Amino acid sequence: VHVVLPIVSVAAIVSRGSVRLIDDISVLRS
């Protein structure tokens, strides 16, 4: 994720086959 974090605007966090979170990257960061 550290490769793509600087370039994405929206991220979906998937863990063990389930979507844990989808949000604007600025919200996720802060």
ModelCIF file with pLDDT and N, C-alpha, C, O atoms, coordinates in Angstrom:
data_MODEL
#
_entry.id   MODEL 
#
_entity.id                         1 
_entity.type                       polymer 
_entity.pdbx_number_of_molecules   1 
#
_entity_poly.entity_id                      1 
_entity_poly.type                           'polypeptide(L)' 
_entity_poly.nstd_linkage                   no 
_entity_poly.nstd_monomer                   no 
_entity_poly.pdbx_seq_one_letter_code       VHVVLPIVSVAAIVSRGSVRLIDDISVLRS 
_entity_poly.pdbx_seq_one_letter_code_can   VHVVLPIVSVAAIVSRGSVRLIDDISVLRS 
_entity_poly.pdbx_strand_id                 A 
#
loop_
_entity_poly_seq.entity_id 
_entity_poly_seq.num 
_entity_poly_seq.mon_id 
_entity_poly_seq.hetero 
1 1  VAL n 
1 2  HIS n 
1 3  VAL n 
1 4  VAL n 
1 5  LEU n 
1 6  PRO n 
1 7  ILE n 
1 8  VAL n 
1 9  SER n 
1 10 VAL n 
1 11 ALA n 
1 12 ALA n 
1 13 ILE n 
1 14 VAL n 
1 15 SER n 
1 16 ARG n 
1 17 GLY n 
1 18 SER n 
1 19 VAL n 
1 20 ARG n 
1 21 LEU n 
1 22 ILE n 
1 23 ASP n 
1 24 ASP n 
1 25 ILE n 
1 26 SER n 
1 27 VAL n 
1 28 LEU n 
1 29 ARG n 
1 30 SER n 
#
_struct_asym.id          A 
_struct_asym.entity_id   1 
#
loop_
_ma_qa_metric.id 
_ma_qa_metric.mode 
_ma_qa_metric.name 
_ma_qa_metric.software_group_id 
_ma_qa_metric.type 
1 global pLDDT . pLDDT 
2 local  pLDDT . pLDDT 
#
_ma_qa_metric_global.metric_id      1 
_ma_qa_metric_global.metric_value   77.40 
_ma_qa_metric_global.model_id       1 
_ma_qa_metric_global.ordinal_id     1 
#
loop_
_ma_qa_metric_local.label_asym_id 
_ma_qa_metric_local.label_comp_id 
_ma_qa_metric_local.label_seq_id 
_ma_qa_metric_local.metric_id 
_ma_qa_metric_local.metric_value 
_ma_qa_metric_local.model_id 
_ma_qa_metric_local.ordinal_id 
A VAL 1  2 75.00 1 1  
A HIS 2  2 75.00 1 2  
A VAL 3  2 78.00 1 3  
A VAL 4  2 78.00 1 4  
A LEU 5  2 76.00 1 5  
A PRO 6  2 76.00 1 6  
A ILE 7  2 78.00 1 7  
A VAL 8  2 80.00 1 8  
A SER 9  2 83.00 1 9  
A VAL 10 2 83.00 1 10 
A ALA 11 2 79.00 1 11 
A ALA 12 2 80.00 1 12 
A ILE 13 2 77.00 1 13 
A VAL 14 2 78.00 1 14 
A SER 15 2 78.00 1 15 
A ARG 16 2 80.00 1 16 
A GLY 17 2 82.00 1 17 
A SER 18 2 83.00 1 18 
A VAL 19 2 83.00 1 19 
A ARG 20 2 78.00 1 20 
A LEU 21 2 78.00 1 21 
A ILE 22 2 82.00 1 22 
A ASP 23 2 79.00 1 23 
A ASP 24 2 81.00 1 24 
A ILE 25 2 76.00 1 25 
A SER 26 2 76.00 1 26 
A VAL 27 2 72.00 1 27 
A LEU 28 2 68.00 1 28 
A ARG 29 2 66.00 1 29 
A SER 30 2 64.00 1 30 
#
loop_
_atom_site.group_PDB 
_atom_site.id 
_atom_site.type_symbol 
_atom_site.label_atom_id 
_atom_site.label_alt_id 
_atom_site.label_comp_id 
_atom_site.label_asym_id 
_atom_site.label_entity_id 
_atom_site.label_seq_id 
_atom_site.pdbx_PDB_ins_code 
_atom_site.Cartn_x 
_atom_site.Cartn_y 
_atom_site.Cartn_z 
_atom_site.occupancy 
_atom_site.B_iso_or_equiv 
_atom_site.pdbx_formal_charge 
_atom_site.auth_seq_id 
_atom_site.auth_comp_id 
_atom_site.auth_asym_id 
_atom_site.auth_atom_id 
_atom_site.pdbx_PDB_model_num 
ATOM 1   N N  . VAL A 1 1  ? 0.803   -1.217  0.000  1.00 75.00 ? 1  VAL A N  1 
ATOM 2   C CA . VAL A 1 1  ? 0.000   0.000   0.000  1.00 75.00 ? 1  VAL A CA 1 
ATOM 3   C C  . VAL A 1 1  ? 0.841   1.275   0.000  1.00 75.00 ? 1  VAL A C  1 
ATOM 4   O O  . VAL A 1 1  ? 0.384   2.320   -0.463 1.00 75.00 ? 1  VAL A O  1 
ATOM 5   N N  . HIS A 1 2  ? 2.043   1.195   0.506  1.00 75.00 ? 2  HIS A N  1 
ATOM 6   C CA . HIS A 1 2  ? 2.875   2.391   0.562  1.00 75.00 ? 2  HIS A CA 1 
ATOM 7   C C  . HIS A 1 2  ? 3.286   2.862   -0.832 1.00 75.00 ? 2  HIS A C  1 
ATOM 8   O O  . HIS A 1 2  ? 3.646   4.026   -1.012 1.00 75.00 ? 2  HIS A O  1 
ATOM 9   N N  . VAL A 1 3  ? 3.235   1.972   -1.808 1.00 78.00 ? 3  VAL A N  1 
ATOM 10  C CA . VAL A 1 3  ? 3.518   2.348   -3.187 1.00 78.00 ? 3  VAL A CA 1 
ATOM 11  C C  . VAL A 1 3  ? 2.368   3.180   -3.757 1.00 78.00 ? 3  VAL A C  1 
ATOM 12  O O  . VAL A 1 3  ? 2.601   4.160   -4.465 1.00 78.00 ? 3  VAL A O  1 
ATOM 13  N N  . VAL A 1 4  ? 1.130   2.793   -3.450 1.00 78.00 ? 4  VAL A N  1 
ATOM 14  C CA . VAL A 1 4  ? -0.020  3.442   -4.078 1.00 78.00 ? 4  VAL A CA 1 
ATOM 15  C C  . VAL A 1 4  ? -0.668  4.545   -3.250 1.00 78.00 ? 4  VAL A C  1 
ATOM 16  O O  . VAL A 1 4  ? -1.407  5.363   -3.797 1.00 78.00 ? 4  VAL A O  1 
ATOM 17  N N  . LEU A 1 5  ? -0.412  4.584   -1.964 1.00 76.00 ? 5  LEU A N  1 
ATOM 18  C CA . LEU A 1 5  ? -1.050  5.617   -1.130 1.00 76.00 ? 5  LEU A CA 1 
ATOM 19  C C  . LEU A 1 5  ? -0.845  7.038   -1.645 1.00 76.00 ? 5  LEU A C  1 
ATOM 20  O O  . LEU A 1 5  ? -1.792  7.825   -1.627 1.00 76.00 ? 5  LEU A O  1 
ATOM 21  N N  . PRO A 1 6  ? 0.350   7.397   -2.101 1.00 76.00 ? 6  PRO A N  1 
ATOM 22  C CA . PRO A 1 6  ? 0.528   8.773   -2.574 1.00 76.00 ? 6  PRO A CA 1 
ATOM 23  C C  . PRO A 1 6  ? -0.230  9.107   -3.855 1.00 76.00 ? 6  PRO A C  1 
ATOM 24  O O  . PRO A 1 6  ? -0.364  10.281  -4.200 1.00 76.00 ? 6  PRO A O  1 
ATOM 25  N N  . ILE A 1 7  ? -0.725  8.102   -4.561 1.00 78.00 ? 7  ILE A N  1 
ATOM 26  C CA . ILE A 1 7  ? -1.334  8.384   -5.857 1.00 78.00 ? 7  ILE A CA 1 
ATOM 27  C C  . ILE A 1 7  ? -2.840  8.155   -5.902 1.00 78.00 ? 7  ILE A C  1 
ATOM 28  O O  . ILE A 1 7  ? -3.480  8.518   -6.889 1.00 78.00 ? 7  ILE A O  1 
ATOM 29  N N  . VAL A 1 8  ? -3.426  7.562   -4.859 1.00 80.00 ? 8  VAL A N  1 
ATOM 30  C CA . VAL A 1 8  ? -4.850  7.237   -4.923 1.00 80.00 ? 8  VAL A CA 1 
ATOM 31  C C  . VAL A 1 8  ? -5.715  8.350   -4.339 1.00 80.00 ? 8  VAL A C  1 
ATOM 32  O O  . VAL A 1 8  ? -5.268  9.141   -3.508 1.00 80.00 ? 8  VAL A O  1 
ATOM 33  N N  . SER A 1 9  ? -6.966  8.388   -4.799 1.00 83.00 ? 9  SER A N  1 
ATOM 34  C CA . SER A 1 9  ? -7.915  9.341   -4.236 1.00 83.00 ? 9  SER A CA 1 
ATOM 35  C C  . SER A 1 9  ? -8.950  8.632   -3.363 1.00 83.00 ? 9  SER A C  1 
ATOM 36  O O  . SER A 1 9  ? -9.479  9.221   -2.420 1.00 83.00 ? 9  SER A O  1 
ATOM 37  N N  . VAL A 1 10 ? -9.234  7.376   -3.675 1.00 83.00 ? 10 VAL A N  1 
ATOM 38  C CA . VAL A 1 10 ? -10.162 6.572   -2.895 1.00 83.00 ? 10 VAL A CA 1 
ATOM 39  C C  . VAL A 1 10 ? -9.494  5.225   -2.649 1.00 83.00 ? 10 VAL A C  1 
ATOM 40  O O  . VAL A 1 10 ? -8.860  4.668   -3.545 1.00 83.00 ? 10 VAL A O  1 
ATOM 41  N N  . ALA A 1 11 ? -9.637  4.704   -1.436 1.00 79.00 ? 11 ALA A N  1 
ATOM 42  C CA . ALA A 1 11 ? -9.049  3.405   -1.115 1.00 79.00 ? 11 ALA A CA 1 
ATOM 43  C C  . ALA A 1 11 ? -10.107 2.478   -0.543 1.00 79.00 ? 11 ALA A C  1 
ATOM 44  O O  . ALA A 1 11 ? -11.003 2.898   0.190  1.00 79.00 ? 11 ALA A O  1 
ATOM 45  N N  . ALA A 1 12 ? -9.980  1.217   -0.894 1.00 80.00 ? 12 ALA A N  1 
ATOM 46  C CA . ALA A 1 12 ? -10.797 0.168   -0.294 1.00 80.00 ? 12 ALA A CA 1 
ATOM 47  C C  . ALA A 1 12 ? -9.837  -0.757  0.428  1.00 80.00 ? 12 ALA A C  1 
ATOM 48  O O  . ALA A 1 12 ? -8.908  -1.292  -0.177 1.00 80.00 ? 12 ALA A O  1 
ATOM 49  N N  . ILE A 1 13 ? -10.055 -0.944  1.704  1.00 77.00 ? 13 ILE A N  1 
ATOM 50  C CA . ILE A 1 13 ? -9.221  -1.831  2.494  1.00 77.00 ? 13 ILE A CA 1 
ATOM 51  C C  . ILE A 1 13 ? -9.916  -3.191  2.545  1.00 77.00 ? 13 ILE A C  1 
ATOM 52  O O  . ILE A 1 13 ? -11.036 -3.303  3.044  1.00 77.00 ? 13 ILE A O  1 
ATOM 53  N N  . VAL A 1 14 ? -9.249  -4.223  2.027  1.00 78.00 ? 14 VAL A N  1 
ATOM 54  C CA . VAL A 1 14 ? -9.795  -5.574  1.997  1.00 78.00 ? 14 VAL A CA 1 
ATOM 55  C C  . VAL A 1 14 ? -8.911  -6.446  2.881  1.00 78.00 ? 14 VAL A C  1 
ATOM 56  O O  . VAL A 1 14 ? -7.690  -6.469  2.725  1.00 78.00 ? 14 VAL A O  1 
ATOM 57  N N  . SER A 1 15 ? -9.533  -7.157  3.800  1.00 78.00 ? 15 SER A N  1 
ATOM 58  C CA . SER A 1 15 ? -8.800  -8.040  4.690  1.00 78.00 ? 15 SER A CA 1 
ATOM 59  C C  . SER A 1 15 ? -9.537  -9.365  4.786  1.00 78.00 ? 15 SER A C  1 
ATOM 60  O O  . SER A 1 15 ? -10.732 -9.410  5.076  1.00 78.00 ? 15 SER A O  1 
ATOM 61  N N  . ARG A 1 16 ? -8.807  -10.438 4.538  1.00 80.00 ? 16 ARG A N  1 
ATOM 62  C CA . ARG A 1 16 ? -9.366  -11.788 4.598  1.00 80.00 ? 16 ARG A CA 1 
ATOM 63  C C  . ARG A 1 16 ? -10.630 -11.940 3.752  1.00 80.00 ? 16 ARG A C  1 
ATOM 64  O O  . ARG A 1 16 ? -11.598 -12.580 4.163  1.00 80.00 ? 16 ARG A O  1 
ATOM 65  N N  . GLY A 1 17 ? -10.600 -11.349 2.580  1.00 82.00 ? 17 GLY A N  1 
ATOM 66  C CA . GLY A 1 17 ? -11.696 -11.486 1.639  1.00 82.00 ? 17 GLY A CA 1 
ATOM 67  C C  . GLY A 1 17 ? -12.884 -10.582 1.862  1.00 82.00 ? 17 GLY A C  1 
ATOM 68  O O  . GLY A 1 17 ? -13.867 -10.671 1.127  1.00 82.00 ? 17 GLY A O  1 
ATOM 69  N N  . SER A 1 18 ? -12.823 -9.711  2.859  1.00 83.00 ? 18 SER A N  1 
ATOM 70  C CA . SER A 1 18 ? -13.946 -8.808  3.128  1.00 83.00 ? 18 SER A CA 1 
ATOM 71  C C  . SER A 1 18 ? -13.498 -7.364  3.039  1.00 83.00 ? 18 SER A C  1 
ATOM 72  O O  . SER A 1 18 ? -12.399 -7.012  3.468  1.00 83.00 ? 18 SER A O  1 
ATOM 73  N N  . VAL A 1 19 ? -14.353 -6.541  2.484  1.00 83.00 ? 19 VAL A N  1 
ATOM 74  C CA . VAL A 1 19 ? -14.075 -5.107  2.427  1.00 83.00 ? 19 VAL A CA 1 
ATOM 75  C C  . VAL A 1 19 ? -14.288 -4.535  3.817  1.00 83.00 ? 19 VAL A C  1 
ATOM 76  O O  . VAL A 1 19 ? -15.392 -4.584  4.359  1.00 83.00 ? 19 VAL A O  1 
ATOM 77  N N  . ARG A 1 20 ? -13.225 -3.995  4.385  1.00 78.00 ? 20 ARG A N  1 
ATOM 78  C CA . ARG A 1 20 ? -13.314 -3.429  5.730  1.00 78.00 ? 20 ARG A CA 1 
ATOM 79  C C  . ARG A 1 20 ? -13.693 -1.961  5.691  1.00 78.00 ? 20 ARG A C  1 
ATOM 80  O O  . ARG A 1 20 ? -14.332 -1.458  6.615  1.00 78.00 ? 20 ARG A O  1 
ATOM 81  N N  . LEU A 1 21 ? -13.301 -1.266  4.619  1.00 78.00 ? 21 LEU A N  1 
ATOM 82  C CA . LEU A 1 21 ? -13.538 0.172   4.573  1.00 78.00 ? 21 LEU A CA 1 
ATOM 83  C C  . LEU A 1 21 ? -13.324 0.686   3.160  1.00 78.00 ? 21 LEU A C  1 
ATOM 84  O O  . LEU A 1 21 ? -12.408 0.244   2.466  1.00 78.00 ? 21 LEU A O  1 
ATOM 85  N N  . ILE A 1 22 ? -14.158 1.609   2.735  1.00 82.00 ? 22 ILE A N  1 
ATOM 86  C CA . ILE A 1 22 ? -13.963 2.346   1.485  1.00 82.00 ? 22 ILE A CA 1 
ATOM 87  C C  . ILE A 1 22 ? -14.157 3.807   1.827  1.00 82.00 ? 22 ILE A C  1 
ATOM 88  O O  . ILE A 1 22 ? -15.183 4.194   2.387  1.00 82.00 ? 22 ILE A O  1 
ATOM 89  N N  . ASP A 1 23 ? -13.166 4.619   1.487  1.00 79.00 ? 23 ASP A N  1 
ATOM 90  C CA . ASP A 1 23 ? -13.289 6.043   1.809  1.00 79.00 ? 23 ASP A CA 1 
ATOM 91  C C  . ASP A 1 23 ? -12.291 6.848   0.991  1.00 79.00 ? 23 ASP A C  1 
ATOM 92  O O  . ASP A 1 23 ? -11.372 6.304   0.379  1.00 79.00 ? 23 ASP A O  1 
ATOM 93  N N  . ASP A 1 24 ? -12.499 8.147   1.002  1.00 81.00 ? 24 ASP A N  1 
ATOM 94  C CA . ASP A 1 24 ? -11.566 9.088   0.411  1.00 81.00 ? 24 ASP A CA 1 
ATOM 95  C C  . ASP A 1 24 ? -10.242 8.971   1.156  1.00 81.00 ? 24 ASP A C  1 
ATOM 96  O O  . ASP A 1 24 ? -10.226 8.884   2.384  1.00 81.00 ? 24 ASP A O  1 
ATOM 97  N N  . ILE A 1 25 ? -9.152  8.967   0.433  1.00 76.00 ? 25 ILE A N  1 
ATOM 98  C CA . ILE A 1 25 ? -7.847  8.745   1.052  1.00 76.00 ? 25 ILE A CA 1 
ATOM 99  C C  . ILE A 1 25 ? -7.496  9.833   2.063  1.00 76.00 ? 25 ILE A C  1 
ATOM 100 O O  . ILE A 1 25 ? -6.841  9.546   3.065  1.00 76.00 ? 25 ILE A O  1 
ATOM 101 N N  . SER A 1 26 ? -7.912  11.059  1.824  1.00 76.00 ? 26 SER A N  1 
ATOM 102 C CA . SER A 1 26 ? -7.597  12.125  2.783  1.00 76.00 ? 26 SER A CA 1 
ATOM 103 C C  . SER A 1 26 ? -8.295  11.869  4.120  1.00 76.00 ? 26 SER A C  1 
ATOM 104 O O  . SER A 1 26 ? -7.739  12.163  5.179  1.00 76.00 ? 26 SER A O  1 
ATOM 105 N N  . VAL A 1 27 ? -9.492  11.331  4.074  1.00 72.00 ? 27 VAL A N  1 
ATOM 106 C CA . VAL A 1 27 ? -10.213 10.992  5.302  1.00 72.00 ? 27 VAL A CA 1 
ATOM 107 C C  . VAL A 1 27 ? -9.496  9.855   6.024  1.00 72.00 ? 27 VAL A C  1 
ATOM 108 O O  . VAL A 1 27 ? -9.319  9.885   7.242  1.00 72.00 ? 27 VAL A O  1 
ATOM 109 N N  . LEU A 1 28 ? -9.090  8.857   5.254  1.00 68.00 ? 28 LEU A N  1 
ATOM 110 C CA . LEU A 1 28 ? -8.385  7.727   5.856  1.00 68.00 ? 28 LEU A CA 1 
ATOM 111 C C  . LEU A 1 28 ? -7.071  8.161   6.501  1.00 68.00 ? 28 LEU A C  1 
ATOM 112 O O  . LEU A 1 28 ? -6.724  7.707   7.591  1.00 68.00 ? 28 LEU A O  1 
ATOM 113 N N  . ARG A 1 29 ? -6.359  9.032   5.827  1.00 66.00 ? 29 ARG A N  1 
ATOM 114 C CA . ARG A 1 29 ? -5.070  9.474   6.367  1.00 66.00 ? 29 ARG A CA 1 
ATOM 115 C C  . ARG A 1 29 ? -5.232  10.272  7.651  1.00 66.00 ? 29 ARG A C  1 
ATOM 116 O O  . ARG A 1 29 ? -4.485  10.072  8.609  1.00 66.00 ? 29 ARG A O  1 
ATOM 117 N N  . SER A 1 30 ? -6.194  11.163  7.672  1.00 64.00 ? 30 SER A N  1 
ATOM 118 C CA . SER A 1 30 ? -6.289  12.090  8.791  1.00 64.00 ? 30 SER A CA 1 
ATOM 119 C C  . SER A 1 30 ? -7.171  11.596  9.933  1.00 64.00 ? 30 SER A C  1 
ATOM 120 O O  . SER A 1 30 ? -7.330  12.292  10.936 1.00 64.00 ? 30 SER A O  1 
#
